[in-house]
């Protein structure tokens, strides 16, 4: 039985990843470490909280004693590291916790994994997967795509903290030989996402006939991917990637924020007058777009979800949830 330490498993993406692993892989057990901050939610774990191959530990990745104890008491085969402060607006208002969690927390995990795995004298069957973001690359111009060789040029404190964590992960591979991978994904969407994120925020505002804020002119472009496609990409990296490699995960689905908001209103039969343009976010990147060919060619992964159809499903999920509270 293979044991995965998943950090941040009560979050949106982490919980989807755990649920998928438990459903599709009967030879894996999961230790789920989550601090239950604003981004973590017990409801996200309802489907698997009591699963016989799942163990939840309430703890912070910055707590060295907890992390070390997990490695001491368990033979961890891989770490899949989701836990992070991820909300850009919050990072602008208070950057310190982003540096503490995203950088220092990652270093504690790396060091604990290294100290545990080097005792076995053979780390080739171990893996540390850092879940990162396309935001570490900064902004694109009107054309082009982020590749794994694109320069790191973060604009927000959040993106800078993730870039710092990524560099630490790479350093542990180059210096100590820790078998690592980094995944950098585009914007996720799907059921159970935190209400502060763009798509859930627009949906829930519209369902309540409240004004939904749109930063600036709303023409910022994002590459959208359904969370299930993202998790499948992570699993492909975990199972087959070459150590030390970075893999971009995207669905080649570019949309402006304004177009996405309008599509949500159309699905709900709501008026466009619900959209309210507000002053743009500080350091707001204009465009993100992912080149996913490395992951597709090397690990035989591809996104399966179509945006328009999956967005309708996502809207319906939030609508049902609101109506059945």
C-alpha atoms as a PDB file:
ATOM      1  CA  UNK A   1       0.000   0.000   0.000  1.00  0.00           C
ATOM      2  CA  UNK A   2       1.420   3.368  -1.056  1.00  0.00           C
ATOM      3  CA  UNK A   3       1.072   6.270   1.394  1.00  0.00           C
ATOM      4  CA  UNK A   4       0.645   9.860   0.229  1.00  0.00           C
ATOM      5  CA  UNK A   5       0.948  12.884   2.462  1.00  0.00           C
ATOM      6  CA  UNK A   6      -1.419  15.453   0.986  1.00  0.00           C
ATOM      7  CA  UNK A   7      -1.242  18.943   2.452  1.00  0.00           C
ATOM      8  CA  UNK A   8      -4.240  21.249   2.130  1.00  0.00           C
ATOM      9  CA  UNK A   9      -6.661  18.420   1.488  1.00  0.00           C
ATOM     10  CA  UNK A  10      -9.626  20.361   2.874  1.00  0.00           C
ATOM     11  CA  UNK A  11      -9.192  23.001   0.186  1.00  0.00           C
ATOM     12  CA  UNK A  12     -10.918  23.157  -3.171  1.00  0.00           C
ATOM     13  CA  UNK A  13      -8.277  21.500  -5.352  1.00  0.00           C
ATOM     14  CA  UNK A  14      -6.760  19.296  -2.650  1.00  0.00           C
ATOM     15  CA  UNK A  15     -10.108  17.737  -1.713  1.00  0.00           C
ATOM     16  CA  UNK A  16     -10.898  17.011  -5.357  1.00  0.00           C
ATOM     17  CA  UNK A  17      -7.503  15.359  -5.744  1.00  0.00           C
ATOM     18  CA  UNK A  18      -7.979  13.158  -2.651  1.00  0.00           C
ATOM     19  CA  UNK A  19     -11.452  12.100  -3.695  1.00  0.00           C
ATOM     20  CA  UNK A  20     -10.238  11.136  -7.155  1.00  0.00           C
ATOM     21  CA  UNK A  21      -7.291   9.134  -5.814  1.00  0.00           C
ATOM     22  CA  UNK A  22      -9.429   7.203  -3.343  1.00  0.00           C
ATOM     23  CA  UNK A  23     -11.977   6.377  -6.037  1.00  0.00           C
ATOM     24  CA  UNK A  24      -9.560   5.366  -8.783  1.00  0.00           C
ATOM     25  CA  UNK A  25      -6.607   3.850  -6.916  1.00  0.00           C
ATOM     26  CA  UNK A  26      -7.298   1.091  -4.405  1.00  0.00           C
ATOM     27  CA  UNK A  27      -3.606   0.712  -3.520  1.00  0.00           C
ATOM     28  CA  UNK A  28      -3.144   4.191  -2.030  1.00  0.00           C
ATOM     29  CA  UNK A  29      -3.812   5.487   1.440  1.00  0.00           C
ATOM     30  CA  UNK A  30      -3.763   9.190   2.234  1.00  0.00           C
ATOM     31  CA  UNK A  31      -2.683  11.240   5.213  1.00  0.00           C
ATOM     32  CA  UNK A  32      -4.316  14.642   4.871  1.00  0.00           C
ATOM     33  CA  UNK A  33      -2.733  17.546   6.769  1.00  0.00           C
ATOM     34  CA  UNK A  34      -4.796  20.735   6.811  1.00  0.00           C
ATOM     35  CA  UNK A  35      -4.900  23.743   9.148  1.00  0.00           C
ATOM     36  CA  UNK A  36      -8.512  24.628   8.236  1.00  0.00           C
ATOM     37  CA  UNK A  37      -7.905  28.294   7.522  1.00  0.00           C
ATOM     38  CA  UNK A  38     -10.491  30.344   5.601  1.00  0.00           C
ATOM     39  CA  UNK A  39      -9.635  28.310   2.463  1.00  0.00           C
ATOM     40  CA  UNK A  40     -10.195  24.923   4.092  1.00  0.00           C
ATOM     41  CA  UNK A  41     -13.660  23.550   4.677  1.00  0.00           C
ATOM     42  CA  UNK A  42     -14.817  20.391   6.427  1.00  0.00           C
ATOM     43  CA  UNK A  43     -17.670  20.149   3.919  1.00  0.00           C
ATOM     44  CA  UNK A  44     -15.111  19.619   1.144  1.00  0.00           C
ATOM     45  CA  UNK A  45     -14.088  16.365   2.849  1.00  0.00           C
ATOM     46  CA  UNK A  46     -17.573  14.927   3.400  1.00  0.00           C
ATOM     47  CA  UNK A  47     -17.230  12.292   0.691  1.00  0.00           C
ATOM     48  CA  UNK A  48     -14.021  10.794   2.079  1.00  0.00           C
ATOM     49  CA  UNK A  49     -13.515  11.985   5.671  1.00  0.00           C
ATOM     50  CA  UNK A  50     -14.398   8.579   7.134  1.00  0.00           C
ATOM     51  CA  UNK A  51     -12.868   6.552   4.285  1.00  0.00           C
ATOM     52  CA  UNK A  52     -10.777   3.649   5.582  1.00  0.00           C
ATOM     53  CA  UNK A  53      -7.794   4.744   3.477  1.00  0.00           C
ATOM     54  CA  UNK A  54      -7.951   8.396   4.554  1.00  0.00           C
ATOM     55  CA  UNK A  55      -6.575   9.946   7.736  1.00  0.00           C
ATOM     56  CA  UNK A  56      -7.145  13.615   8.469  1.00  0.00           C
ATOM     57  CA  UNK A  57      -4.738  15.507  10.719  1.00  0.00           C
ATOM     58  CA  UNK A  58      -5.625  19.027  11.818  1.00  0.00           C
ATOM     59  CA  UNK A  59      -2.312  20.834  11.689  1.00  0.00           C
ATOM     60  CA  UNK A  60      -0.228  23.552  10.094  1.00  0.00           C
ATOM     61  CA  UNK A  61       2.628  22.885   7.660  1.00  0.00           C
ATOM     62  CA  UNK A  62       4.571  25.561   9.559  1.00  0.00           C
ATOM     63  CA  UNK A  63       4.467  23.405  12.698  1.00  0.00           C
ATOM     64  CA  UNK A  64       7.722  21.506  12.377  1.00  0.00           C
ATOM     65  CA  UNK A  65       6.917  19.115  15.203  1.00  0.00           C
ATOM     66  CA  UNK A  66       3.698  17.914  13.559  1.00  0.00           C
ATOM     67  CA  UNK A  67       5.275  17.510  10.145  1.00  0.00           C
ATOM     68  CA  UNK A  68       8.283  15.624  11.511  1.00  0.00           C
ATOM     69  CA  UNK A  69       6.045  13.367  13.595  1.00  0.00           C
ATOM     70  CA  UNK A  70       4.020  12.400  10.506  1.00  0.00           C
ATOM     71  CA  UNK A  71       7.210  11.302   8.739  1.00  0.00           C
ATOM     72  CA  UNK A  72       8.466   9.482  11.843  1.00  0.00           C
ATOM     73  CA  UNK A  73       5.255   7.508  12.366  1.00  0.00           C
ATOM     74  CA  UNK A  74       4.511   6.717   8.714  1.00  0.00           C
ATOM     75  CA  UNK A  75       6.405   5.495   5.694  1.00  0.00           C
ATOM     76  CA  UNK A  76       5.523   8.337   3.346  1.00  0.00           C
ATOM     77  CA  UNK A  77       6.032   7.474  -0.312  1.00  0.00           C
ATOM     78  CA  UNK A  78       5.084  10.851  -1.762  1.00  0.00           C
ATOM     79  CA  UNK A  79       4.097  14.359  -0.751  1.00  0.00           C
ATOM     80  CA  UNK A  80       1.528  16.265  -2.800  1.00  0.00           C
ATOM     81  CA  UNK A  81       1.752  19.800  -1.501  1.00  0.00           C
ATOM     82  CA  UNK A  82      -1.384  21.905  -2.026  1.00  0.00           C
ATOM     83  CA  UNK A  83      -1.415  23.813   1.276  1.00  0.00           C
ATOM     84  CA  UNK A  84      -0.933  27.512   0.654  1.00  0.00           C
ATOM     85  CA  UNK A  85      -2.350  30.965   1.075  1.00  0.00           C
ATOM     86  CA  UNK A  86      -3.757  31.555  -2.418  1.00  0.00           C
ATOM     87  CA  UNK A  87      -6.069  34.594  -2.494  1.00  0.00           C
ATOM     88  CA  UNK A  88      -4.355  37.467  -4.295  1.00  0.00           C
ATOM     89  CA  UNK A  89      -6.465  40.235  -2.743  1.00  0.00           C
ATOM     90  CA  UNK A  90      -5.628  38.955   0.735  1.00  0.00           C
ATOM     91  CA  UNK A  91      -1.926  38.890  -0.151  1.00  0.00           C
ATOM     92  CA  UNK A  92      -2.083  42.562  -1.099  1.00  0.00           C
ATOM     93  CA  UNK A  93      -3.728  43.430   2.207  1.00  0.00           C
ATOM     94  CA  UNK A  94      -1.432  41.245   4.339  1.00  0.00           C
ATOM     95  CA  UNK A  95       1.612  39.673   2.649  1.00  0.00           C
ATOM     96  CA  UNK A  96       3.337  38.337   5.782  1.00  0.00           C
ATOM     97  CA  UNK A  97       1.266  35.188   6.236  1.00  0.00           C
ATOM     98  CA  UNK A  98       1.768  34.328   2.553  1.00  0.00           C
ATOM     99  CA  UNK A  99       5.543  34.350   2.986  1.00  0.00           C
ATOM    100  CA  UNK A 100       5.280  32.405   6.244  1.00  0.00           C
ATOM    101  CA  UNK A 101       2.977  29.668   4.938  1.00  0.00           C
ATOM    102  CA  UNK A 102       4.010  29.399   1.312  1.00  0.00           C
ATOM    103  CA  UNK A 103       7.766  29.720   1.746  1.00  0.00           C
ATOM    104  CA  UNK A 104       8.608  28.637   5.289  1.00  0.00           C
ATOM    105  CA  UNK A 105       5.910  25.953   5.358  1.00  0.00           C
ATOM    106  CA  UNK A 106       7.237  24.487   2.120  1.00  0.00           C
ATOM    107  CA  UNK A 107      10.796  24.484   3.474  1.00  0.00           C
ATOM    108  CA  UNK A 108       9.691  22.561   6.577  1.00  0.00           C
ATOM    109  CA  UNK A 109       8.000  19.946   4.398  1.00  0.00           C
ATOM    110  CA  UNK A 110      11.039  19.646   2.133  1.00  0.00           C
ATOM    111  CA  UNK A 111      13.438  19.257   5.043  1.00  0.00           C
ATOM    112  CA  UNK A 112      11.234  16.684   6.780  1.00  0.00           C
ATOM    113  CA  UNK A 113      10.895  14.661   3.588  1.00  0.00           C
ATOM    114  CA  UNK A 114      14.627  14.809   2.960  1.00  0.00           C
ATOM    115  CA  UNK A 115      15.556  13.762   6.492  1.00  0.00           C
ATOM    116  CA  UNK A 116      13.117  10.858   6.367  1.00  0.00           C
ATOM    117  CA  UNK A 117      13.825   9.634   2.857  1.00  0.00           C
ATOM    118  CA  UNK A 118      17.618   9.838   2.916  1.00  0.00           C
ATOM    119  CA  UNK A 119      17.653   7.289   5.728  1.00  0.00           C
ATOM    120  CA  UNK A 120      16.442   4.756   3.201  1.00  0.00           C
ATOM    121  CA  UNK A 121      19.568   5.565   1.121  1.00  0.00           C
ATOM    122  CA  UNK A 122      17.488   5.288  -2.042  1.00  0.00           C
ATOM    123  CA  UNK A 123      14.995   8.025  -2.819  1.00  0.00           C
ATOM    124  CA  UNK A 124      14.255   7.044  -6.421  1.00  0.00           C
ATOM    125  CA  UNK A 125      10.799   5.710  -5.540  1.00  0.00           C
ATOM    126  CA  UNK A 126       9.850   8.780  -3.505  1.00  0.00           C
ATOM    127  CA  UNK A 127       8.340  11.981  -4.867  1.00  0.00           C
ATOM    128  CA  UNK A 128       7.624  15.521  -3.664  1.00  0.00           C
ATOM    129  CA  UNK A 129       5.107  17.314  -5.907  1.00  0.00           C
ATOM    130  CA  UNK A 130       4.806  21.068  -5.438  1.00  0.00           C
ATOM    131  CA  UNK A 131       1.448  22.437  -6.611  1.00  0.00           C
ATOM    132  CA  UNK A 132       2.147  25.906  -7.941  1.00  0.00           C
ATOM    133  CA  UNK A 133       0.498  28.424 -10.246  1.00  0.00           C
ATOM    134  CA  UNK A 134       0.929  30.106 -13.602  1.00  0.00           C
ATOM    135  CA  UNK A 135       0.918  33.416 -11.719  1.00  0.00           C
ATOM    136  CA  UNK A 136       4.614  32.957 -10.901  1.00  0.00           C
ATOM    137  CA  UNK A 137       5.336  33.814 -14.559  1.00  0.00           C
ATOM    138  CA  UNK A 138       3.731  37.249 -14.331  1.00  0.00           C
ATOM    139  CA  UNK A 139       1.797  38.674 -17.267  1.00  0.00           C
ATOM    140  CA  UNK A 140       1.838  37.785 -20.959  1.00  0.00           C
ATOM    141  CA  UNK A 141       1.442  40.171 -23.851  1.00  0.00           C
ATOM    142  CA  UNK A 142      -1.354  39.824 -26.365  1.00  0.00           C
ATOM    143  CA  UNK A 143       0.259  36.723 -27.886  1.00  0.00           C
ATOM    144  CA  UNK A 144       2.342  33.780 -26.695  1.00  0.00           C
ATOM    145  CA  UNK A 145       2.039  31.113 -24.009  1.00  0.00           C
ATOM    146  CA  UNK A 146       3.765  30.337 -20.739  1.00  0.00           C
ATOM    147  CA  UNK A 147       6.133  27.398 -21.145  1.00  0.00           C
ATOM    148  CA  UNK A 148       8.065  25.627 -18.432  1.00  0.00           C
ATOM    149  CA  UNK A 149      11.098  27.692 -19.499  1.00  0.00           C
ATOM    150  CA  UNK A 150       9.333  31.055 -19.156  1.00  0.00           C
ATOM    151  CA  UNK A 151      11.007  33.474 -16.760  1.00  0.00           C
ATOM    152  CA  UNK A 152       9.580  33.867 -13.262  1.00  0.00           C
ATOM    153  CA  UNK A 153       8.276  37.419 -12.883  1.00  0.00           C
ATOM    154  CA  UNK A 154       5.537  37.512 -10.203  1.00  0.00           C
ATOM    155  CA  UNK A 155       3.374  40.609  -9.764  1.00  0.00           C
ATOM    156  CA  UNK A 156       1.569  40.001  -6.444  1.00  0.00           C
ATOM    157  CA  UNK A 157       2.851  39.008  -2.994  1.00  0.00           C
ATOM    158  CA  UNK A 158       0.933  35.739  -3.434  1.00  0.00           C
ATOM    159  CA  UNK A 159       2.658  34.936  -6.720  1.00  0.00           C
ATOM    160  CA  UNK A 160       6.039  35.976  -5.306  1.00  0.00           C
ATOM    161  CA  UNK A 161       5.605  33.660  -2.313  1.00  0.00           C
ATOM    162  CA  UNK A 162       4.735  30.750  -4.613  1.00  0.00           C
ATOM    163  CA  UNK A 163       7.736  31.548  -6.817  1.00  0.00           C
ATOM    164  CA  UNK A 164       9.944  31.510  -3.729  1.00  0.00           C
ATOM    165  CA  UNK A 165       8.554  28.131  -2.732  1.00  0.00           C
ATOM    166  CA  UNK A 166       9.134  26.778  -6.240  1.00  0.00           C
ATOM    167  CA  UNK A 167      12.771  27.889  -6.134  1.00  0.00           C
ATOM    168  CA  UNK A 168      13.233  26.166  -2.786  1.00  0.00           C
ATOM    169  CA  UNK A 169      11.779  22.964  -4.219  1.00  0.00           C
ATOM    170  CA  UNK A 170      14.182  23.134  -7.159  1.00  0.00           C
ATOM    171  CA  UNK A 171      17.112  23.780  -4.830  1.00  0.00           C
ATOM    172  CA  UNK A 172      16.371  20.627  -2.830  1.00  0.00           C
ATOM    173  CA  UNK A 173      16.560  18.643  -6.053  1.00  0.00           C
ATOM    174  CA  UNK A 174      19.776  20.251  -7.244  1.00  0.00           C
ATOM    175  CA  UNK A 175      21.530  20.301  -3.870  1.00  0.00           C
ATOM    176  CA  UNK A 176      20.287  17.180  -2.112  1.00  0.00           C
ATOM    177  CA  UNK A 177      18.864  15.030  -4.899  1.00  0.00           C
ATOM    178  CA  UNK A 178      15.345  15.115  -3.447  1.00  0.00           C
ATOM    179  CA  UNK A 179      13.064  13.775  -6.208  1.00  0.00           C
ATOM    180  CA  UNK A 180      10.688  16.657  -6.863  1.00  0.00           C
ATOM    181  CA  UNK A 181       8.284  17.946  -9.466  1.00  0.00           C
ATOM    182  CA  UNK A 182       6.497  21.278  -9.810  1.00  0.00           C
ATOM    183  CA  UNK A 183       3.124  21.729 -11.484  1.00  0.00           C
ATOM    184  CA  UNK A 184       1.922  25.169 -12.549  1.00  0.00           C
ATOM    185  CA  UNK A 185      -1.744  25.390 -13.381  1.00  0.00           C
ATOM    186  CA  UNK A 186      -4.045  27.999 -14.856  1.00  0.00           C
ATOM    187  CA  UNK A 187      -7.283  29.231 -13.240  1.00  0.00           C
ATOM    188  CA  UNK A 188      -9.433  26.433 -11.798  1.00  0.00           C
ATOM    189  CA  UNK A 189     -13.214  26.295 -11.530  1.00  0.00           C
ATOM    190  CA  UNK A 190     -15.830  23.773 -10.429  1.00  0.00           C
ATOM    191  CA  UNK A 191     -18.153  22.942  -7.512  1.00  0.00           C
ATOM    192  CA  UNK A 192     -17.096  23.730  -3.928  1.00  0.00           C
ATOM    193  CA  UNK A 193     -14.657  26.503  -4.819  1.00  0.00           C
ATOM    194  CA  UNK A 194     -14.201  29.244  -2.205  1.00  0.00           C
ATOM    195  CA  UNK A 195     -16.776  32.022  -2.473  1.00  0.00           C
ATOM    196  CA  UNK A 196     -14.088  34.712  -2.884  1.00  0.00           C
ATOM    197  CA  UNK A 197     -12.831  33.239  -6.160  1.00  0.00           C
ATOM    198  CA  UNK A 198     -14.053  34.849  -9.365  1.00  0.00           C
ATOM    199  CA  UNK A 199     -16.557  32.352 -10.774  1.00  0.00           C
ATOM    200  CA  UNK A 200     -18.236  31.437  -7.443  1.00  0.00           C
ATOM    201  CA  UNK A 201     -18.386  35.115  -6.501  1.00  0.00           C
ATOM    202  CA  UNK A 202     -20.158  36.077  -9.736  1.00  0.00           C
ATOM    203  CA  UNK A 203     -22.561  33.125  -9.471  1.00  0.00           C
ATOM    204  CA  UNK A 204     -23.540  33.773  -5.877  1.00  0.00           C
ATOM    205  CA  UNK A 205     -23.919  37.522  -6.348  1.00  0.00           C
ATOM    206  CA  UNK A 206     -26.120  36.933  -9.387  1.00  0.00           C
ATOM    207  CA  UNK A 207     -28.264  34.357  -7.574  1.00  0.00           C
ATOM    208  CA  UNK A 208     -28.943  36.972  -4.890  1.00  0.00           C
ATOM    209  CA  UNK A 209     -29.490  39.765  -7.452  1.00  0.00           C
ATOM    210  CA  UNK A 210     -26.582  41.663  -5.923  1.00  0.00           C
ATOM    211  CA  UNK A 211     -24.049  43.769  -7.772  1.00  0.00           C
ATOM    212  CA  UNK A 212     -21.027  41.718  -8.823  1.00  0.00           C
ATOM    213  CA  UNK A 213     -17.710  43.626  -8.942  1.00  0.00           C
ATOM    214  CA  UNK A 214     -15.545  43.474 -12.061  1.00  0.00           C
ATOM    215  CA  UNK A 215     -12.007  44.805 -11.751  1.00  0.00           C
ATOM    216  CA  UNK A 216     -11.228  47.593 -14.219  1.00  0.00           C
ATOM    217  CA  UNK A 217     -12.639  47.005 -17.698  1.00  0.00           C
ATOM    218  CA  UNK A 218     -12.839  43.245 -17.108  1.00  0.00           C
ATOM    219  CA  UNK A 219     -10.672  42.431 -20.109  1.00  0.00           C
ATOM    220  CA  UNK A 220      -8.079  40.505 -18.133  1.00  0.00           C
ATOM    221  CA  UNK A 221      -7.629  37.139 -19.841  1.00  0.00           C
ATOM    222  CA  UNK A 222      -7.368  33.853 -17.965  1.00  0.00           C
ATOM    223  CA  UNK A 223      -6.877  30.265 -19.139  1.00  0.00           C
ATOM    224  CA  UNK A 224      -9.630  28.254 -17.420  1.00  0.00           C
ATOM    225  CA  UNK A 225      -9.402  24.569 -16.468  1.00  0.00           C
ATOM    226  CA  UNK A 226     -11.897  22.371 -14.636  1.00  0.00           C
ATOM    227  CA  UNK A 227     -10.557  21.173 -11.287  1.00  0.00           C
ATOM    228  CA  UNK A 228     -10.983  17.502 -12.284  1.00  0.00           C
ATOM    229  CA  UNK A 229      -8.730  17.975 -15.317  1.00  0.00           C
ATOM    230  CA  UNK A 230      -6.171  19.700 -13.103  1.00  0.00           C
ATOM    231  CA  UNK A 231      -6.203  16.835 -10.602  1.00  0.00           C
ATOM    232  CA  UNK A 232      -5.797  14.281 -13.381  1.00  0.00           C
ATOM    233  CA  UNK A 233      -2.737  16.195 -14.544  1.00  0.00           C
ATOM    234  CA  UNK A 234      -1.253  16.150 -11.049  1.00  0.00           C
ATOM    235  CA  UNK A 235      -1.830  12.407 -10.796  1.00  0.00           C
ATOM    236  CA  UNK A 236      -0.073  11.921 -14.133  1.00  0.00           C
ATOM    237  CA  UNK A 237       2.929  13.857 -12.841  1.00  0.00           C
ATOM    238  CA  UNK A 238       2.949  11.940  -9.563  1.00  0.00           C
ATOM    239  CA  UNK A 239       2.939   8.590 -11.325  1.00  0.00           C
ATOM    240  CA  UNK A 240       5.165   9.155 -14.324  1.00  0.00           C
ATOM    241  CA  UNK A 241       7.128  12.399 -14.378  1.00  0.00           C
ATOM    242  CA  UNK A 242      10.882  12.659 -14.568  1.00  0.00           C
ATOM    243  CA  UNK A 243      12.368  13.950 -11.270  1.00  0.00           C
ATOM    244  CA  UNK A 244      13.271  17.617 -11.246  1.00  0.00           C
ATOM    245  CA  UNK A 245      10.870  18.558 -14.045  1.00  0.00           C
ATOM    246  CA  UNK A 246       8.261  21.318 -14.145  1.00  0.00           C
ATOM    247  CA  UNK A 247       4.930  20.692 -15.883  1.00  0.00           C
ATOM    248  CA  UNK A 248       2.370  23.313 -16.890  1.00  0.00           C
ATOM    249  CA  UNK A 249      -1.287  22.263 -16.633  1.00  0.00           C
ATOM    250  CA  UNK A 250      -3.758  24.207 -18.745  1.00  0.00           C
ATOM    251  CA  UNK A 251      -6.798  23.635 -20.929  1.00  0.00           C
ATOM    252  CA  UNK A 252      -6.148  26.147 -23.753  1.00  0.00           C
ATOM    253  CA  UNK A 253      -9.339  27.947 -22.775  1.00  0.00           C
ATOM    254  CA  UNK A 254      -8.734  31.695 -22.771  1.00  0.00           C
ATOM    255  CA  UNK A 255     -11.607  33.941 -21.701  1.00  0.00           C
ATOM    256  CA  UNK A 256     -11.807  37.514 -20.449  1.00  0.00           C
ATOM    257  CA  UNK A 257     -13.211  37.973 -16.971  1.00  0.00           C
ATOM    258  CA  UNK A 258     -15.996  40.074 -18.464  1.00  0.00           C
ATOM    259  CA  UNK A 259     -16.977  37.349 -20.944  1.00  0.00           C
ATOM    260  CA  UNK A 260     -17.075  34.711 -18.191  1.00  0.00           C
ATOM    261  CA  UNK A 261     -19.226  36.955 -16.008  1.00  0.00           C
ATOM    262  CA  UNK A 262     -21.614  37.641 -18.890  1.00  0.00           C
ATOM    263  CA  UNK A 263     -21.893  33.921 -19.656  1.00  0.00           C
ATOM    264  CA  UNK A 264     -22.812  33.188 -16.035  1.00  0.00           C
ATOM    265  CA  UNK A 265     -25.509  35.870 -16.104  1.00  0.00           C
ATOM    266  CA  UNK A 266     -26.854  34.468 -19.350  1.00  0.00           C
ATOM    267  CA  UNK A 267     -27.042  30.951 -17.883  1.00  0.00           C
ATOM    268  CA  UNK A 268     -28.981  32.320 -14.912  1.00  0.00           C
ATOM    269  CA  UNK A 269     -31.193  34.577 -17.000  1.00  0.00           C
ATOM    270  CA  UNK A 270     -29.920  37.658 -15.163  1.00  0.00           C
ATOM    271  CA  UNK A 271     -29.334  41.168 -16.456  1.00  0.00           C
ATOM    272  CA  UNK A 272     -25.869  42.432 -17.333  1.00  0.00           C
ATOM    273  CA  UNK A 273     -26.686  45.456 -15.177  1.00  0.00           C
ATOM    274  CA  UNK A 274     -25.712  43.322 -12.162  1.00  0.00           C
ATOM    275  CA  UNK A 275     -22.061  43.787 -13.157  1.00  0.00           C
ATOM    276  CA  UNK A 276     -20.358  46.725 -11.499  1.00  0.00           C
ATOM    277  CA  UNK A 277     -16.935  47.883 -12.691  1.00  0.00           C
ATOM    278  CA  UNK A 278     -14.656  48.806  -9.771  1.00  0.00           C
ATOM    279  CA  UNK A 279     -11.091  50.165  -9.606  1.00  0.00           C
ATOM    280  CA  UNK A 280      -8.589  47.602 -10.839  1.00  0.00           C
ATOM    281  CA  UNK A 281      -6.580  45.454  -8.461  1.00  0.00           C
ATOM    282  CA  UNK A 282      -3.021  46.597  -7.705  1.00  0.00           C
ATOM    283  CA  UNK A 283      -0.488  44.797  -9.910  1.00  0.00           C
ATOM    284  CA  UNK A 284      -3.255  43.037 -11.843  1.00  0.00           C
ATOM    285  CA  UNK A 285      -1.779  40.855 -14.601  1.00  0.00           C
ATOM    286  CA  UNK A 286      -3.423  41.351 -17.984  1.00  0.00           C
ATOM    287  CA  UNK A 287      -3.200  37.889 -19.518  1.00  0.00           C
ATOM    288  CA  UNK A 288      -2.287  34.304 -18.605  1.00  0.00           C
ATOM    289  CA  UNK A 289      -2.151  31.387 -21.038  1.00  0.00           C
ATOM    290  CA  UNK A 290      -0.560  27.963 -20.650  1.00  0.00           C
ATOM    291  CA  UNK A 291       1.413  25.826 -23.088  1.00  0.00           C
ATOM    292  CA  UNK A 292       0.456  22.314 -21.927  1.00  0.00           C
ATOM    293  CA  UNK A 293       2.258  20.306 -24.621  1.00  0.00           C
ATOM    294  CA  UNK A 294       5.000  18.955 -22.345  1.00  0.00           C
ATOM    295  CA  UNK A 295       2.492  17.274 -20.037  1.00  0.00           C
ATOM    296  CA  UNK A 296       0.409  16.021 -22.948  1.00  0.00           C
ATOM    297  CA  UNK A 297       3.355  14.617 -24.892  1.00  0.00           C
ATOM    298  CA  UNK A 298       5.353  13.112 -22.027  1.00  0.00           C
ATOM    299  CA  UNK A 299       2.605  11.782 -19.768  1.00  0.00           C
ATOM    300  CA  UNK A 300      -0.309  11.216 -22.153  1.00  0.00           C
ATOM    301  CA  UNK A 301      -2.613  13.656 -20.340  1.00  0.00           C
ATOM    302  CA  UNK A 302      -5.209  15.910 -21.892  1.00  0.00           C
ATOM    303  CA  UNK A 303      -8.054  18.070 -20.564  1.00  0.00           C
ATOM    304  CA  UNK A 304     -11.437  16.460 -21.094  1.00  0.00           C
ATOM    305  CA  UNK A 305     -13.857  19.070 -19.783  1.00  0.00           C
ATOM    306  CA  UNK A 306     -15.437  21.597 -22.168  1.00  0.00           C
ATOM    307  CA  UNK A 307     -15.720  25.034 -20.600  1.00  0.00           C
ATOM    308  CA  UNK A 308     -19.257  26.037 -21.637  1.00  0.00           C
ATOM    309  CA  UNK A 309     -20.786  22.739 -20.557  1.00  0.00           C
ATOM    310  CA  UNK A 310     -18.801  22.531 -17.319  1.00  0.00           C
ATOM    311  CA  UNK A 311     -19.552  26.139 -16.434  1.00  0.00           C
ATOM    312  CA  UNK A 312     -23.270  25.373 -16.725  1.00  0.00           C
ATOM    313  CA  UNK A 313     -22.804  22.377 -14.415  1.00  0.00           C
ATOM    314  CA  UNK A 314     -20.906  24.549 -11.950  1.00  0.00           C
ATOM    315  CA  UNK A 315     -23.593  27.235 -11.971  1.00  0.00           C
ATOM    316  CA  UNK A 316     -26.262  24.569 -11.419  1.00  0.00           C
ATOM    317  CA  UNK A 317     -24.324  23.163  -8.460  1.00  0.00           C
ATOM    318  CA  UNK A 318     -24.165  26.548  -6.709  1.00  0.00           C
ATOM    319  CA  UNK A 319     -27.808  27.222  -7.534  1.00  0.00           C
ATOM    320  CA  UNK A 320     -28.873  23.894  -6.017  1.00  0.00           C
ATOM    321  CA  UNK A 321     -26.716  24.506  -2.938  1.00  0.00           C
ATOM    322  CA  UNK A 322     -28.228  27.951  -2.341  1.00  0.00           C
ATOM    323  CA  UNK A 323     -31.785  26.701  -2.813  1.00  0.00           C
ATOM    324  CA  UNK A 324     -31.332  23.730  -0.451  1.00  0.00           C
ATOM    325  CA  UNK A 325     -29.666  25.307   2.526  1.00  0.00           C
END
